Amino acid sequence: MPKSLSIDQIVNATLAGIENSQRKYEEWSGGYWLWEGPEYLITISVAENIANLGVSKYLTLEHSSAQTIEDAGARGKGRLPRGIREHGKVDILVWWATDTPRAIIEIKNQIYSKEQYNKDIRRIKEFLNRNAILSTIQFGLFAFYDSAYDGVLKTAEEKIQNKIEKIQKNVIEILGEKFRIDVKKNIHREDKDAWAAVCILIRAI
């Protein structure tokens, strides 16, 4: 049987993809940071990093939500929950080597309010909830880039850390008791500014 990627490998590749996006955009633009760049650059970089891990699997971008549920064996009877957004698309879909969906990855660039990501978290929740016993979907990732500058009362790192903690709290509230999360982050200091790659792993208990 082909060896599959570990969840840690996928999480680490996602973080590295965000970091690569920041460095590439800064180089290409002559110093601009990623928060001023397009979100799809992060998506492509994360996908490329996962694809380069060299283990049996494949992934797709902007994959149909309805088709994802179908391919995961989780369609069942009745209408899909609104949170899945049946006519929407998944940013990145990681597949098992058996050609069935394994993980949903949603990407965000520079979060300013919870309205930016509420639907993403609810969507991951509904994907994991849908016929969970039959579904091949194992976990979801909410990954994002953030940056900040030093203030009078707080350093850039403190601002980012506070935002991550606030997002983590909101995610827990949205998911409820049947899920658990793990947060992994890499915060980088540059002069009086800082930027971070963050990945929130979501799994059903």
Protein backbone atom coordinates (compact mmCIF):
# COMPACT_ATOMS: atom_id res chain seq x y z
CA MET A 1 0.00 0.00 0.00
CA PRO A 2 1.40 3.46 -0.88
CA LYS A 3 2.67 5.48 2.04
CA SER A 4 0.58 8.57 2.82
CA LEU A 5 1.66 11.94 4.12
CA SER A 6 1.40 12.56 7.85
CA ILE A 7 -0.81 15.40 9.04
CA ASP A 8 2.29 17.12 10.45
CA GLN A 9 3.93 17.02 7.03
CA ILE A 10 0.93 18.73 5.46
CA VAL A 11 0.74 21.35 8.22
CA ASN A 12 4.47 22.12 7.97
CA ALA A 13 4.30 22.33 4.18
CA THR A 14 1.37 24.74 4.49
CA LEU A 15 3.31 27.00 6.86
CA ALA A 16 6.36 26.89 4.60
CA GLY A 17 4.18 27.76 1.63
CA ILE A 18 2.93 30.91 3.36
CA GLU A 19 6.48 31.86 4.30
CA ASN A 20 7.66 31.33 0.72
CA SER A 21 4.85 33.60 -0.48
CA GLN A 22 5.99 36.43 1.77
CA ARG A 23 9.62 36.13 0.69
CA LYS A 24 8.80 35.83 -3.00
CA TYR A 25 6.44 38.79 -3.01
CA GLU A 26 8.88 40.93 -1.06
CA GLU A 27 11.59 40.09 -3.60
CA TRP A 28 9.40 40.51 -6.68
CA SER A 29 7.85 43.81 -5.55
CA GLY A 30 11.03 45.45 -4.30
CA GLY A 31 10.03 45.37 -0.66
CA TYR A 32 6.25 45.20 -0.44
CA TRP A 33 4.88 42.68 2.03
CA LEU A 34 2.38 39.94 1.28
CA TRP A 35 -0.59 41.69 2.91
CA GLU A 36 -0.52 44.00 -0.12
CA GLY A 37 -0.41 41.06 -2.53
CA PRO A 38 -3.01 38.62 -3.86
CA GLU A 39 -4.38 35.77 -1.76
CA TYR A 40 -4.03 33.34 -4.65
CA LEU A 41 -0.25 33.63 -4.43
CA ILE A 42 -0.45 31.97 -1.00
CA THR A 43 -2.78 29.28 -2.32
CA ILE A 44 -0.46 28.38 -5.18
CA SER A 45 2.64 28.39 -2.96
CA VAL A 46 1.01 26.15 -0.33
CA ALA A 47 -0.22 23.74 -3.00
CA GLU A 48 3.23 23.61 -4.58
CA ASN A 49 4.88 22.84 -1.24
CA ILE A 50 2.49 19.98 -0.49
CA ALA A 51 2.82 18.61 -4.03
CA ASN A 52 6.62 18.57 -3.67
CA LEU A 53 6.61 16.37 -0.57
CA GLY A 54 7.15 13.34 -2.78
CA VAL A 55 4.66 10.92 -1.24
CA SER A 56 1.75 9.24 -3.02
CA LYS A 57 -1.12 11.74 -3.18
CA TYR A 58 -2.42 14.51 -5.34
CA LEU A 59 -4.28 17.76 -4.83
CA THR A 60 -6.65 20.03 -6.67
CA LEU A 61 -7.36 23.76 -6.49
CA GLU A 62 -10.75 25.49 -6.51
CA HIS A 63 -12.44 22.07 -6.36
CA SER A 64 -16.24 21.96 -6.41
CA SER A 65 -17.75 21.63 -2.92
CA ALA A 66 -20.53 19.34 -4.15
CA GLN A 67 -18.07 17.13 -6.03
CA THR A 68 -15.80 16.97 -2.97
CA ILE A 69 -18.65 15.61 -0.86
CA GLU A 70 -19.57 13.17 -3.62
CA ASP A 71 -16.01 11.92 -4.07
CA ALA A 72 -15.60 11.54 -0.29
CA GLY A 73 -18.61 9.20 -0.17
CA ALA A 74 -20.45 11.59 2.15
CA ARG A 75 -23.28 12.84 -0.10
CA GLY A 76 -26.07 10.79 1.44
CA LYS A 77 -29.70 11.88 1.13
CA GLY A 78 -31.13 15.34 1.42
CA ARG A 79 -29.78 18.79 0.76
CA LEU A 80 -26.29 19.72 1.78
CA PRO A 81 -25.95 22.16 4.71
CA ARG A 82 -25.78 25.82 3.70
CA GLY A 83 -22.38 26.11 5.36
CA ILE A 84 -20.81 23.83 2.76
CA ARG A 85 -21.86 26.25 0.00
CA GLU A 86 -22.83 23.55 -2.47
CA HIS A 87 -22.07 25.73 -5.48
CA GLY A 88 -18.82 27.01 -3.98
CA LYS A 89 -15.26 25.75 -4.24
CA VAL A 90 -12.56 24.52 -1.87
CA ASP A 91 -9.29 26.51 -1.96
CA ILE A 92 -7.11 23.37 -1.81
CA LEU A 93 -8.27 19.77 -1.65
CA VAL A 94 -5.65 17.18 -0.64
CA TRP A 95 -6.44 13.63 -1.77
CA TRP A 96 -5.51 10.23 -0.42
CA ALA A 97 -3.42 7.98 -2.65
CA THR A 98 -6.66 5.99 -3.07
CA ASP A 99 -8.11 8.91 -5.08
CA THR A 100 -10.54 10.08 -2.41
CA PRO A 101 -10.58 13.48 -0.64
CA ARG A 102 -8.58 13.69 2.57
CA ALA A 103 -8.28 17.33 3.68
CA ILE A 104 -9.87 20.71 3.07
CA ILE A 105 -7.53 23.72 3.18
CA GLU A 106 -8.88 27.27 3.29
CA ILE A 107 -6.49 30.21 2.88
CA LYS A 108 -6.71 33.83 4.04
CA ASN A 109 -4.39 36.81 3.63
CA GLN A 110 -4.23 39.38 6.47
CA ILE A 111 -7.28 39.07 8.72
CA TYR A 112 -8.96 42.24 9.93
CA SER A 113 -12.23 40.87 11.30
CA LYS A 114 -13.92 37.55 12.05
CA GLU A 115 -16.33 38.13 9.17
CA GLN A 116 -13.42 37.31 6.85
CA TYR A 117 -13.12 33.74 8.10
CA ASN A 118 -16.37 32.76 9.85
CA LYS A 119 -17.74 31.11 6.71
CA ASP A 120 -14.47 29.24 6.13
CA ILE A 121 -14.55 27.71 9.60
CA ARG A 122 -18.25 26.82 9.37
CA ARG A 123 -17.57 25.29 5.99
CA ILE A 124 -14.77 23.07 7.27
CA LYS A 125 -17.02 22.08 10.18
CA GLU A 126 -19.85 21.04 7.86
CA PHE A 127 -17.49 19.08 5.60
CA LEU A 128 -16.19 17.13 8.59
CA ASN A 129 -19.72 16.64 9.96
CA ARG A 130 -21.26 15.35 6.75
CA ASN A 131 -21.74 11.57 7.08
CA ALA A 132 -18.51 11.40 9.07
CA ILE A 133 -18.60 7.61 9.46
CA LEU A 134 -18.58 7.12 5.70
CA SER A 135 -16.59 10.16 4.62
CA THR A 136 -12.93 9.92 3.64
CA ILE A 137 -12.31 13.53 4.74
CA GLN A 138 -9.97 13.33 7.72
CA PHE A 139 -9.29 16.95 8.71
CA GLY A 140 -9.43 20.59 7.72
CA LEU A 141 -6.85 23.37 7.80
CA PHE A 142 -7.45 27.08 8.12
CA ALA A 143 -4.21 28.79 7.18
CA PHE A 144 -3.44 32.48 7.06
CA TYR A 145 -0.80 35.17 6.77
CA ASP A 146 -0.67 38.15 9.10
CA SER A 147 1.63 41.10 9.72
CA ALA A 148 1.91 44.05 12.10
CA TYR A 149 4.15 46.96 13.06
CA ASP A 150 5.44 48.04 16.47
CA GLY A 151 3.09 50.25 18.44
CA VAL A 152 3.49 52.43 21.50
CA LEU A 153 2.10 49.82 23.89
CA LYS A 154 2.68 46.56 22.02
CA THR A 155 5.36 45.12 19.80
CA ALA A 156 4.49 43.76 16.38
CA GLU A 157 4.91 40.21 17.69
CA GLU A 158 2.54 40.89 20.57
CA LYS A 159 -0.06 42.28 18.19
CA ILE A 160 0.14 39.19 16.01
CA GLN A 161 0.05 36.85 18.99
CA ASN A 162 -3.03 38.62 20.38
CA LYS A 163 -4.78 38.33 17.03
CA ILE A 164 -3.96 34.63 16.76
CA GLU A 165 -5.38 34.03 20.24
CA LYS A 166 -8.54 35.94 19.36
CA ILE A 167 -8.99 33.97 16.14
CA GLN A 168 -8.37 30.72 18.01
CA LYS A 169 -11.09 31.62 20.52
CA ASN A 170 -13.55 32.46 17.75
CA VAL A 171 -12.78 29.23 15.91
CA ILE A 172 -13.45 27.18 19.05
CA GLU A 173 -16.78 28.96 19.54
CA ILE A 174 -17.82 28.30 15.94
CA LEU A 175 -16.83 24.64 15.98
CA GLY A 176 -18.37 23.66 19.31
CA GLU A 177 -17.54 20.71 21.52
CA LYS A 178 -17.31 17.97 18.89
CA PHE A 179 -14.08 19.30 17.41
CA ARG A 180 -10.57 19.99 18.56
CA ILE A 181 -7.98 22.30 17.12
CA ASP A 182 -4.22 22.61 17.14
CA VAL A 183 -2.53 25.89 16.28
CA LYS A 184 0.93 26.10 14.79
CA LYS A 185 2.61 29.39 13.94
CA ASN A 186 5.90 30.87 12.81
CA ILE A 187 6.40 34.56 13.63
CA HIS A 188 9.22 36.45 11.92
CA ARG A 189 10.72 39.78 13.02
CA GLU A 190 12.00 42.33 10.48
CA ASP A 191 13.19 45.67 11.93
CA LYS A 192 10.13 47.26 13.59
CA ASP A 193 7.65 44.97 11.88
CA ALA A 194 6.71 41.30 12.07
CA TRP A 195 4.81 38.80 9.97
CA ALA A 196 3.52 35.32 10.60
CA ALA A 197 2.39 32.09 8.98
CA VAL A 198 -0.38 30.40 10.96
CA CYS A 199 -2.15 27.08 10.52
CA ILE A 200 -5.17 25.90 12.53
CA LEU A 201 -5.71 22.16 12.29
CA ILE A 202 -9.35 21.10 12.77
CA ARG A 203 -10.40 17.54 13.56
CA ALA A 204 -13.57 15.90 14.83
CA ILE A 205 -13.27 14.30 18.26
